Amino acid sequence: MSAFAILLTAALLGFGIRNLRWLKGFAFAAILTAAFFALASPPISGYTADTLSAFFGRLMLLTLAAVILGETERINIVQTLFIGAAGFLLLQSTTLLAFVLAFETLSILSFILVARMQNASQAEGAVKLFIAGAVATGLIMLGLALFTLSGHPLNAPLNAPLGVLESIGLWVMLAGLFYKLTIVPMHGWAADSYALVRPAHAAILSGIAKTVVVVALFRLFDAWLIVSPLSINILLALAIATMTLGNFMALFQQRLGRILAYSSIAHAGYMLLAIAAVKSAYAPAGLLYLAVAYLFMQTALFLLLDRLGNGLSDLDLNDIKGLASRDRFAAFYLSVQLFSLAGIPLLAGFLGKAVALFAVVDAGYWPAALIALLNSALSVGYYAWIVKQLYFDDAKAKTRLTALTAAPAFAQLILLAGTLYFGIAAFSIFAVAF
């Protein structure tokens, strides 16, 4: 039985469980069962599209467990299981038709997830997410229509030479996908949506769903990109623009949600750069490493903001001043994940960027790698500024922050373990991607 079937069944049965503790236990049992079947499959070694997806899927299960552990609302637990099932369906997609159906399923579930709103700002974020999703769907459907006009079957892999009309259709589809991946110039909605919706929802949207789409996109489109030099040049330009704009805009933000939103945009540029290096043998390792690191880092940070702000999305730098003197564990979790995003050594974010940039240089695009390196150095500025507020500024007399309880703290520990482990154990990624 696949992880998709287990999570989908658990999500459907979860509607009938009214008690929060029972539902959490049931959800954990479902995730453990899915993990058992995933681990019982043949060992993952040597790069293929299937091993890439299988490895990432196992880590996604761990992240789903952390999200559910810190959740306080029944409906969000059920929706998390549904999104996990859709994520596995997308990771297992081998044809264009299967990919589009899984992607749209994930998109619809994302709309449903953010539909539970507590205030006007969260409603604004949800509406912007819906509008961006509608535009993305329209572009994907248009691209799919152009692709089918050539007569190429939708249920066949994209490994055969494609004509002009087919390539145009694929690029129109990619434009729609880039809306979801927050690639410049299709990024504007994310700066508001990620910052305005409930942070726990942003953790799922920007941490889990986004990385799933990136890995699935690489799995499906890599063969086409290898034989399309023009496409590579376009991807390089978009990646450079995305990471540069995201990092520069993050420098001028005060709200923590917006800083993380622009950081998310910048990291989409790094991942797109790894995809553009598809001709390198190191590209799968670089992309997988970036996706795994980002999965743990971004999910952890938004979940932490959710618990500190008690589900509200308007925390700013003033709110976290002196946090280390009130809640040293929360400050520690926040600092480590921020340093990982910045690319500090011995953390997953550092090795993710290092392997991705090596792949870019190996593919012959060293100027793009240099720009990415400068961008990474620039990002240290706003990450370090947040850490400075945590440890070196005086705490406000009155605070609206909520202390971490046992369950969210344990969820943070799980995600921290992933960030630390993949900051050291590069062999686990290399065994899959080579």
Protein backbone atom coordinates (compact mmCIF):
# COMPACT_ATOMS: atom_id res chain seq x y z
CA MET A 1 0.00 0.00 0.00
CA SER A 2 1.40 3.42 -0.97
CA ALA A 3 1.84 6.39 1.35
CA PHE A 4 -0.69 8.24 -0.81
CA ALA A 5 -3.42 5.67 -0.15
CA ILE A 6 -2.67 5.54 3.58
CA LEU A 7 -2.74 9.32 4.06
CA LEU A 8 -5.85 9.75 1.91
CA THR A 9 -7.72 7.05 3.85
CA ALA A 10 -6.61 8.57 7.16
CA ALA A 11 -7.75 12.03 6.06
CA LEU A 12 -11.20 10.75 5.09
CA LEU A 13 -11.60 8.81 8.34
CA GLY A 14 -10.31 11.78 10.32
CA PHE A 15 -13.52 13.70 9.66
CA GLY A 16 -15.31 11.33 12.02
CA ILE A 17 -12.94 11.78 14.98
CA ARG A 18 -14.11 14.63 17.22
CA ASN A 19 -11.56 14.48 20.00
CA LEU A 20 -8.34 16.40 19.23
CA ARG A 21 -6.04 14.00 21.10
CA TRP A 22 -7.58 10.96 19.47
CA LEU A 23 -7.29 12.60 16.06
CA LYS A 24 -3.62 13.45 16.64
CA GLY A 25 -2.92 9.89 17.70
CA PHE A 26 -4.76 8.54 14.68
CA ALA A 27 -2.88 10.91 12.34
CA PHE A 28 0.44 9.87 13.85
CA ALA A 29 -0.47 6.21 13.43
CA ALA A 30 -1.26 6.86 9.77
CA ILE A 31 2.07 8.63 9.22
CA LEU A 32 3.96 5.84 10.99
CA THR A 33 2.18 3.25 8.85
CA ALA A 34 3.03 5.18 5.69
CA ALA A 35 6.65 5.45 6.88
CA PHE A 36 6.76 1.71 7.57
CA PHE A 37 5.68 0.87 4.02
CA ALA A 38 8.07 3.48 2.61
CA LEU A 39 11.02 2.10 4.60
CA ALA A 40 10.03 -1.49 3.78
CA SER A 41 10.55 -0.81 0.09
CA PRO A 42 13.96 -1.59 -1.48
CA PRO A 43 16.83 0.62 -0.23
CA ILE A 44 17.21 3.92 -2.06
CA SER A 45 20.57 4.17 -3.85
CA GLY A 46 21.63 5.48 -7.22
CA TYR A 47 19.90 8.34 -9.01
CA THR A 48 16.64 7.82 -10.83
CA ALA A 49 13.53 9.99 -10.83
CA ASP A 50 11.82 7.42 -8.60
CA THR A 51 14.58 7.35 -5.96
CA LEU A 52 14.62 11.15 -5.82
CA SER A 53 10.87 11.29 -5.15
CA ALA A 54 10.90 8.36 -2.72
CA PHE A 55 13.65 9.87 -0.59
CA PHE A 56 11.99 13.27 -0.44
CA GLY A 57 8.64 11.67 0.32
CA ARG A 58 10.04 9.95 3.40
CA LEU A 59 11.31 13.25 4.75
CA MET A 60 7.98 14.90 3.97
CA LEU A 61 6.33 12.36 6.28
CA LEU A 62 8.62 13.50 9.09
CA THR A 63 7.69 17.12 8.45
CA LEU A 64 3.98 16.30 8.37
CA ALA A 65 4.35 14.66 11.78
CA ALA A 66 5.95 17.83 13.17
CA VAL A 67 3.15 20.01 11.75
CA ILE A 68 0.44 17.80 13.24
CA LEU A 69 2.20 17.61 16.60
CA GLY A 70 1.98 21.36 17.14
CA GLU A 71 -1.52 21.80 15.69
CA THR A 72 -4.43 22.80 17.93
CA GLU A 73 -7.38 22.55 15.53
CA ARG A 74 -8.96 19.34 14.28
CA ILE A 75 -9.76 20.54 10.77
CA ASN A 76 -6.16 21.62 10.16
CA ILE A 77 -4.90 18.13 11.04
CA VAL A 78 -7.27 16.58 8.53
CA GLN A 79 -6.29 19.11 5.87
CA THR A 80 -2.61 18.44 6.53
CA LEU A 81 -3.19 14.74 5.85
CA PHE A 82 -4.99 15.59 2.60
CA ILE A 83 -2.12 17.85 1.49
CA GLY A 84 0.39 15.13 2.37
CA ALA A 85 -1.54 12.65 0.21
CA ALA A 86 -1.65 15.12 -2.69
CA GLY A 87 2.07 15.72 -2.25
CA PHE A 88 2.83 12.02 -2.65
CA LEU A 89 0.56 11.88 -5.69
CA LEU A 90 2.54 14.73 -7.25
CA LEU A 91 5.90 13.18 -6.40
CA GLN A 92 4.84 9.94 -8.11
CA SER A 93 3.70 11.67 -11.32
CA THR A 94 5.56 10.43 -14.39
CA THR A 95 3.44 11.97 -17.17
CA LEU A 96 2.20 15.46 -17.93
CA LEU A 97 -1.43 14.49 -17.35
CA ALA A 98 -0.74 12.94 -13.95
CA PHE A 99 1.39 15.94 -12.96
CA VAL A 100 -1.28 18.50 -13.84
CA LEU A 101 -4.04 16.57 -12.06
CA ALA A 102 -1.93 16.16 -8.91
CA PHE A 103 -0.78 19.79 -9.00
CA GLU A 104 -4.34 21.11 -9.28
CA THR A 105 -5.45 18.82 -6.46
CA LEU A 106 -2.69 20.25 -4.27
CA SER A 107 -3.70 23.79 -5.26
CA ILE A 108 -7.37 23.25 -4.39
CA LEU A 109 -6.41 21.77 -1.02
CA SER A 110 -4.21 24.83 -0.40
CA PHE A 111 -7.20 27.11 -1.00
CA ILE A 112 -9.28 25.08 1.45
CA LEU A 113 -6.48 25.18 4.02
CA VAL A 114 -6.33 28.99 4.18
CA ALA A 115 -10.12 29.39 4.06
CA ARG A 116 -10.25 29.17 7.86
CA MET A 117 -9.51 32.80 8.78
CA GLN A 118 -9.36 34.59 12.14
CA ASN A 119 -9.18 38.21 11.01
CA ALA A 120 -9.27 40.55 8.01
CA SER A 121 -5.56 40.30 7.24
CA GLN A 122 -5.75 36.51 6.96
CA ALA A 123 -8.77 36.92 4.69
CA GLU A 124 -6.73 39.26 2.47
CA GLY A 125 -3.89 36.74 2.30
CA ALA A 126 -6.31 33.94 1.40
CA VAL A 127 -7.92 35.98 -1.38
CA LYS A 128 -4.54 36.86 -2.90
CA LEU A 129 -3.54 33.20 -2.76
CA PHE A 130 -6.77 32.23 -4.52
CA ILE A 131 -6.32 34.86 -7.26
CA ALA A 132 -2.72 33.78 -7.88
CA GLY A 133 -3.84 30.16 -7.96
CA ALA A 134 -6.58 30.94 -10.47
CA VAL A 135 -4.10 32.73 -12.76
CA ALA A 136 -1.67 29.82 -12.44
CA THR A 137 -4.38 27.30 -13.30
CA GLY A 138 -5.41 29.33 -16.34
CA LEU A 139 -1.85 29.40 -17.65
CA ILE A 140 -1.37 25.69 -17.04
CA MET A 141 -4.59 24.84 -18.88
CA LEU A 142 -3.62 27.12 -21.79
CA GLY A 143 -0.20 25.50 -21.99
CA LEU A 144 -1.75 22.05 -21.84
CA ALA A 145 -4.09 22.96 -24.72
CA LEU A 146 -1.17 24.20 -26.85
CA PHE A 147 0.78 21.07 -26.06
CA THR A 148 -2.07 18.77 -27.11
CA LEU A 149 -2.51 20.56 -30.46
CA SER A 150 0.70 18.92 -31.63
CA GLY A 151 -0.74 15.48 -31.04
CA HIS A 152 1.84 14.49 -28.43
CA PRO A 153 0.14 12.15 -25.92
CA LEU A 154 -0.35 13.50 -22.41
CA ASN A 155 0.24 10.12 -20.82
CA ALA A 156 3.78 9.74 -22.18
CA PRO A 157 7.01 10.93 -20.50
CA LEU A 158 8.65 14.11 -21.83
CA ASN A 159 11.80 12.36 -23.03
CA ALA A 160 11.20 12.51 -26.78
CA PRO A 161 12.24 15.44 -29.04
CA LEU A 162 9.51 18.08 -28.92
CA GLY A 163 8.38 20.47 -31.63
CA VAL A 164 8.01 24.24 -31.42
CA LEU A 165 4.33 24.20 -30.48
CA GLU A 166 4.90 21.60 -27.79
CA SER A 167 7.78 23.60 -26.31
CA ILE A 168 5.70 26.78 -26.30
CA GLY A 169 2.95 24.89 -24.49
CA LEU A 170 5.40 23.64 -21.89
CA TRP A 171 6.73 27.15 -21.30
CA VAL A 172 3.24 28.52 -20.80
CA MET A 173 2.67 25.73 -18.29
CA LEU A 174 5.94 26.58 -16.55
CA ALA A 175 4.78 30.18 -16.26
CA GLY A 176 1.77 28.89 -14.33
CA LEU A 177 3.97 26.69 -12.15
CA PHE A 178 6.27 29.63 -11.50
CA TYR A 179 3.34 31.47 -9.95
CA LYS A 180 3.20 28.75 -7.29
CA LEU A 181 6.97 28.70 -6.93
CA THR A 182 7.11 32.52 -6.49
CA ILE A 183 9.49 33.09 -9.39
CA VAL A 184 9.97 36.72 -10.51
CA PRO A 185 7.91 38.34 -12.03
CA MET A 186 5.16 35.99 -10.77
CA HIS A 187 6.10 36.49 -7.12
CA GLY A 188 4.09 39.49 -5.92
CA TRP A 189 1.23 37.58 -4.33
CA ALA A 190 3.52 35.50 -2.08
CA ALA A 191 4.97 38.50 -0.25
CA ASP A 192 1.46 39.21 1.04
CA SER A 193 -0.11 35.77 1.23
CA TYR A 194 2.67 34.07 3.18
CA ALA A 195 2.84 37.05 5.54
CA LEU A 196 -0.91 37.45 6.06
CA VAL A 197 -2.32 33.94 6.35
CA ARG A 198 -1.96 32.01 9.57
CA PRO A 199 1.76 31.11 9.96
CA ALA A 200 0.99 27.40 10.40
CA HIS A 201 -0.73 27.50 7.01
CA ALA A 202 2.24 29.37 5.52
CA ALA A 203 4.49 26.61 6.89
CA ILE A 204 2.58 24.06 4.82
CA LEU A 205 2.29 26.24 1.71
CA SER A 206 5.85 27.56 1.57
CA GLY A 207 7.67 24.76 3.35
CA ILE A 208 5.99 21.54 2.22
CA ALA A 209 3.88 22.22 -0.88
CA LYS A 210 6.48 24.43 -2.55
CA THR A 211 9.31 21.92 -2.22
CA VAL A 212 7.10 19.08 -3.41
CA VAL A 213 6.31 21.04 -6.58
CA VAL A 214 10.02 21.79 -7.16
CA VAL A 215 11.09 18.15 -6.83
CA ALA A 216 8.19 16.92 -9.00
CA LEU A 217 8.93 19.58 -11.63
CA PHE A 218 12.57 18.52 -11.87
CA ARG A 219 11.55 14.87 -12.05
CA LEU A 220 9.24 15.49 -15.01
CA PHE A 221 10.98 18.25 -16.99
CA ASP A 222 14.68 17.44 -16.64
CA ALA A 223 14.92 15.41 -19.87
CA TRP A 224 13.32 18.24 -21.89
CA LEU A 225 15.51 20.92 -20.33
CA ILE A 226 18.74 19.05 -21.13
CA VAL A 227 18.09 19.36 -24.88
CA SER A 228 16.79 22.94 -24.72
CA PRO A 229 19.66 25.50 -24.40
CA LEU A 230 17.27 28.46 -24.75
CA SER A 231 15.21 27.19 -21.85
CA ILE A 232 18.33 26.94 -19.67
CA ASN A 233 19.25 30.57 -20.37
CA ILE A 234 15.75 31.73 -19.50
CA LEU A 235 15.84 29.75 -16.25
CA LEU A 236 19.20 31.26 -15.32
CA ALA A 237 17.90 34.79 -15.86
CA LEU A 238 14.74 34.12 -13.85
CA ALA A 239 16.73 32.50 -11.03
CA ILE A 240 19.11 35.45 -10.74
CA ALA A 241 16.26 37.98 -10.77
CA THR A 242 14.28 35.98 -8.19
CA MET A 243 17.05 35.52 -5.63
CA THR A 244 18.26 39.11 -5.98
CA LEU A 245 14.87 40.76 -5.64
CA GLY A 246 13.85 38.47 -2.78
CA ASN A 247 16.97 39.22 -0.74
CA PHE A 248 16.92 42.97 -1.36
CA MET A 249 13.25 43.30 -0.44
CA ALA A 250 13.73 41.27 2.74
CA LEU A 251 16.27 43.84 3.95
CA PHE A 252 13.59 46.52 4.32
CA GLN A 253 10.86 44.55 6.12
CA GLN A 254 9.79 44.82 9.74
CA ARG A 255 7.14 42.10 9.94
CA LEU A 256 8.63 38.66 10.47
CA GLY A 257 6.14 37.03 8.11
CA ARG A 258 7.15 39.32 5.26
CA ILE A 259 10.85 38.74 5.92
CA LEU A 260 10.28 34.99 5.65
CA ALA A 261 8.08 35.49 2.60
CA TYR A 262 10.79 37.37 0.71
CA SER A 263 13.35 34.85 1.95
CA SER A 264 11.10 32.17 0.46
CA ILE A 265 11.13 34.00 -2.87
CA ALA A 266 14.93 34.20 -2.78
CA HIS A 267 15.23 30.49 -2.05
CA ALA A 268 12.95 29.74 -4.99
CA GLY A 269 15.65 31.42 -7.08
CA TYR A 270 18.34 29.16 -5.63
CA MET A 271 16.28 26.06 -6.39
CA LEU A 272 15.55 27.28 -9.93
CA LEU A 273 19.29 27.79 -10.40
CA ALA A 274 19.86 24.14 -9.46
CA ILE A 275 17.24 23.11 -12.03
CA ALA A 276 18.99 25.25 -14.67
CA ALA A 277 22.20 23.26 -14.00
CA VAL A 278 20.44 20.09 -15.17
CA LYS A 279 23.32 19.20 -17.52
CA SER A 280 25.59 18.66 -14.52
CA ALA A 281 25.71 15.26 -12.84
CA TYR A 282 25.52 17.14 -9.53
CA ALA A 283 22.22 18.90 -10.35
CA PRO A 284 19.95 16.23 -8.78
CA ALA A 285 22.02 16.30 -5.58
CA GLY A 286 22.03 20.10 -5.50
CA LEU A 287 18.29 20.42 -6.01
CA LEU A 288 17.44 17.61 -3.58
CA TYR A 289 19.75 19.06 -0.92
CA LEU A 290 18.23 22.54 -1.28
CA ALA A 291 14.69 21.15 -1.18
CA VAL A 292 15.37 18.99 1.90
CA ALA A 293 17.08 21.84 3.78
CA TYR A 294 14.34 24.29 2.88
CA LEU A 295 11.67 21.77 3.87
CA PHE A 296 12.96 21.66 7.44
CA MET A 297 14.01 25.31 7.77
CA GLN A 298 10.97 27.10 6.40
CA THR A 299 8.45 24.77 8.01
CA ALA A 300 10.13 25.17 11.40
CA LEU A 301 10.27 28.96 11.25
CA PHE A 302 6.64 29.51 10.28
CA LEU A 303 5.45 26.94 12.84
CA LEU A 304 7.47 28.74 15.49
CA LEU A 305 5.92 32.09 14.56
CA ASP A 306 2.50 30.48 14.72
CA ARG A 307 2.98 29.28 18.29
CA LEU A 308 4.69 32.45 19.50
CA GLY A 309 1.93 34.59 18.01
CA ASN A 310 -0.88 32.21 19.00
CA GLY A 311 -1.97 31.83 15.38
CA LEU A 312 -1.78 35.53 14.49
CA SER A 313 0.32 36.73 11.56
CA ASP A 314 1.31 40.26 12.53
CA LEU A 315 4.44 39.72 14.66
CA ASP A 316 7.25 42.17 13.93
CA LEU A 317 10.83 42.68 15.01
CA ASN A 318 9.77 44.71 18.06
CA ASP A 319 7.77 41.76 19.36
CA ILE A 320 10.75 39.41 19.52
CA LYS A 321 13.21 41.81 21.15
CA GLY A 322 14.85 40.10 24.08
CA LEU A 323 13.05 36.80 23.41
CA ALA A 324 16.11 34.87 24.62
CA SER A 325 15.62 36.25 28.13
CA ARG A 326 12.01 35.00 28.24
CA ASP A 327 12.09 31.80 26.20
CA ARG A 328 15.64 30.67 25.45
CA PHE A 329 14.53 27.50 23.68
CA ALA A 330 12.32 29.38 21.23
CA ALA A 331 15.14 31.86 20.58
CA PHE A 332 17.57 28.97 20.02
CA TYR A 333 15.28 27.19 17.56
CA LEU A 334 14.67 30.43 15.71
CA SER A 335 18.37 31.32 15.55
CA VAL A 336 19.57 27.95 14.26
CA GLN A 337 16.99 27.82 11.47
CA LEU A 338 17.74 31.42 10.46
CA PHE A 339 21.47 30.69 10.35
CA SER A 340 20.71 27.63 8.22
CA LEU A 341 18.73 29.79 5.78
CA ALA A 342 21.72 32.13 5.66
CA GLY A 343 24.02 29.24 4.76
CA ILE A 344 26.16 28.98 7.89
CA PRO A 345 28.40 25.85 7.88
CA LEU A 346 27.40 22.64 9.68
CA LEU A 347 23.73 23.36 8.93
CA ALA A 348 21.64 21.92 6.09
CA GLY A 349 21.22 25.27 4.35
CA PHE A 350 24.98 25.61 3.89
CA LEU A 351 25.51 22.23 2.23
CA GLY A 352 22.35 22.66 0.16
CA LYS A 353 23.66 25.90 -1.34
CA ALA A 354 27.21 24.54 -1.64
CA VAL A 355 26.20 21.46 -3.63
CA ALA A 356 23.77 23.46 -5.81
CA LEU A 357 26.42 26.08 -6.61
CA PHE A 358 28.95 23.36 -7.40
CA ALA A 359 26.45 21.91 -9.88
CA VAL A 360 26.00 25.36 -11.47
CA VAL A 361 29.77 25.79 -11.85
CA ASP A 362 30.11 22.23 -13.17
CA ALA A 363 27.48 23.04 -15.79
CA GLY A 364 29.59 26.01 -16.92
CA TYR A 365 27.48 28.85 -15.49
CA TRP A 366 30.02 30.24 -13.03
CA PRO A 367 28.82 33.90 -13.34
CA ALA A 368 25.39 32.79 -12.09
CA ALA A 369 27.05 30.90 -9.24
CA LEU A 370 29.00 34.04 -8.27
CA ILE A 371 25.81 36.12 -8.21
CA ALA A 372 24.12 33.47 -6.07
CA LEU A 373 27.09 33.52 -3.67
CA LEU A 374 26.83 37.31 -3.34
CA ASN A 375 23.10 36.98 -2.74
CA SER A 376 23.71 34.47 0.01
CA ALA A 377 26.16 36.87 1.66
CA LEU A 378 23.58 39.66 1.38
CA SER A 379 20.95 37.54 3.10
CA VAL A 380 23.15 37.15 6.16
CA GLY A 381 22.40 40.79 6.92
CA TYR A 382 18.70 40.44 7.61
CA TYR A 383 18.96 37.01 9.24
CA ALA A 384 21.66 38.26 11.62
CA TRP A 385 19.55 41.35 12.35
CA ILE A 386 16.72 39.14 13.61
CA VAL A 387 19.11 37.17 15.82
CA LYS A 388 20.46 40.45 17.18
CA GLN A 389 16.94 41.40 18.25
CA LEU A 390 16.57 38.07 20.04
CA TYR A 391 19.71 38.22 22.15
CA PHE A 392 21.04 41.77 22.37
CA ASP A 393 17.98 44.03 22.57
CA ASP A 394 15.98 44.70 25.71
CA ALA A 395 12.67 42.90 26.00
CA LYS A 396 9.45 44.93 25.96
CA ALA A 397 7.72 45.37 29.30
CA LYS A 398 4.56 43.89 27.84
CA THR A 399 4.61 41.14 25.28
CA ARG A 400 1.95 39.37 23.29
CA LEU A 401 4.15 36.35 22.65
CA THR A 402 3.02 32.95 23.88
CA ALA A 403 5.56 30.60 25.44
CA LEU A 404 6.20 27.29 23.67
CA THR A 405 4.38 24.35 25.20
CA ALA A 406 5.66 20.77 25.16
CA ALA A 407 4.13 19.57 21.87
CA PRO A 408 5.23 22.52 19.66
CA ALA A 409 8.66 22.44 21.31
CA PHE A 410 9.03 18.74 20.44
CA ALA A 411 7.91 19.48 16.88
CA GLN A 412 10.67 22.10 16.67
CA LEU A 413 13.15 19.55 17.99
CA ILE A 414 12.22 17.15 15.18
CA LEU A 415 12.76 19.81 12.53
CA LEU A 416 15.96 21.01 14.20
CA ALA A 417 17.29 17.45 14.10
CA GLY A 418 16.70 17.39 10.33
CA THR A 419 18.52 20.69 9.85
CA LEU A 420 21.49 19.52 11.93
CA TYR A 421 21.65 16.00 10.47
CA PHE A 422 21.67 17.12 6.85
CA GLY A 423 24.18 19.81 7.74
CA ILE A 424 26.68 17.04 8.41
CA ALA A 425 25.51 13.83 6.73
CA ALA A 426 25.92 14.78 3.08
CA PHE A 427 26.44 11.11 2.20
CA SER A 428 22.72 10.44 2.72
CA ILE A 429 21.87 12.84 -0.14
CA PHE A 430 24.74 11.76 -2.38
CA ALA A 431 23.73 8.11 -2.06
CA VAL A 432 20.37 8.99 -3.60
CA ALA A 433 21.46 11.50 -6.24
CA PHE A 434 24.42 9.68 -7.80
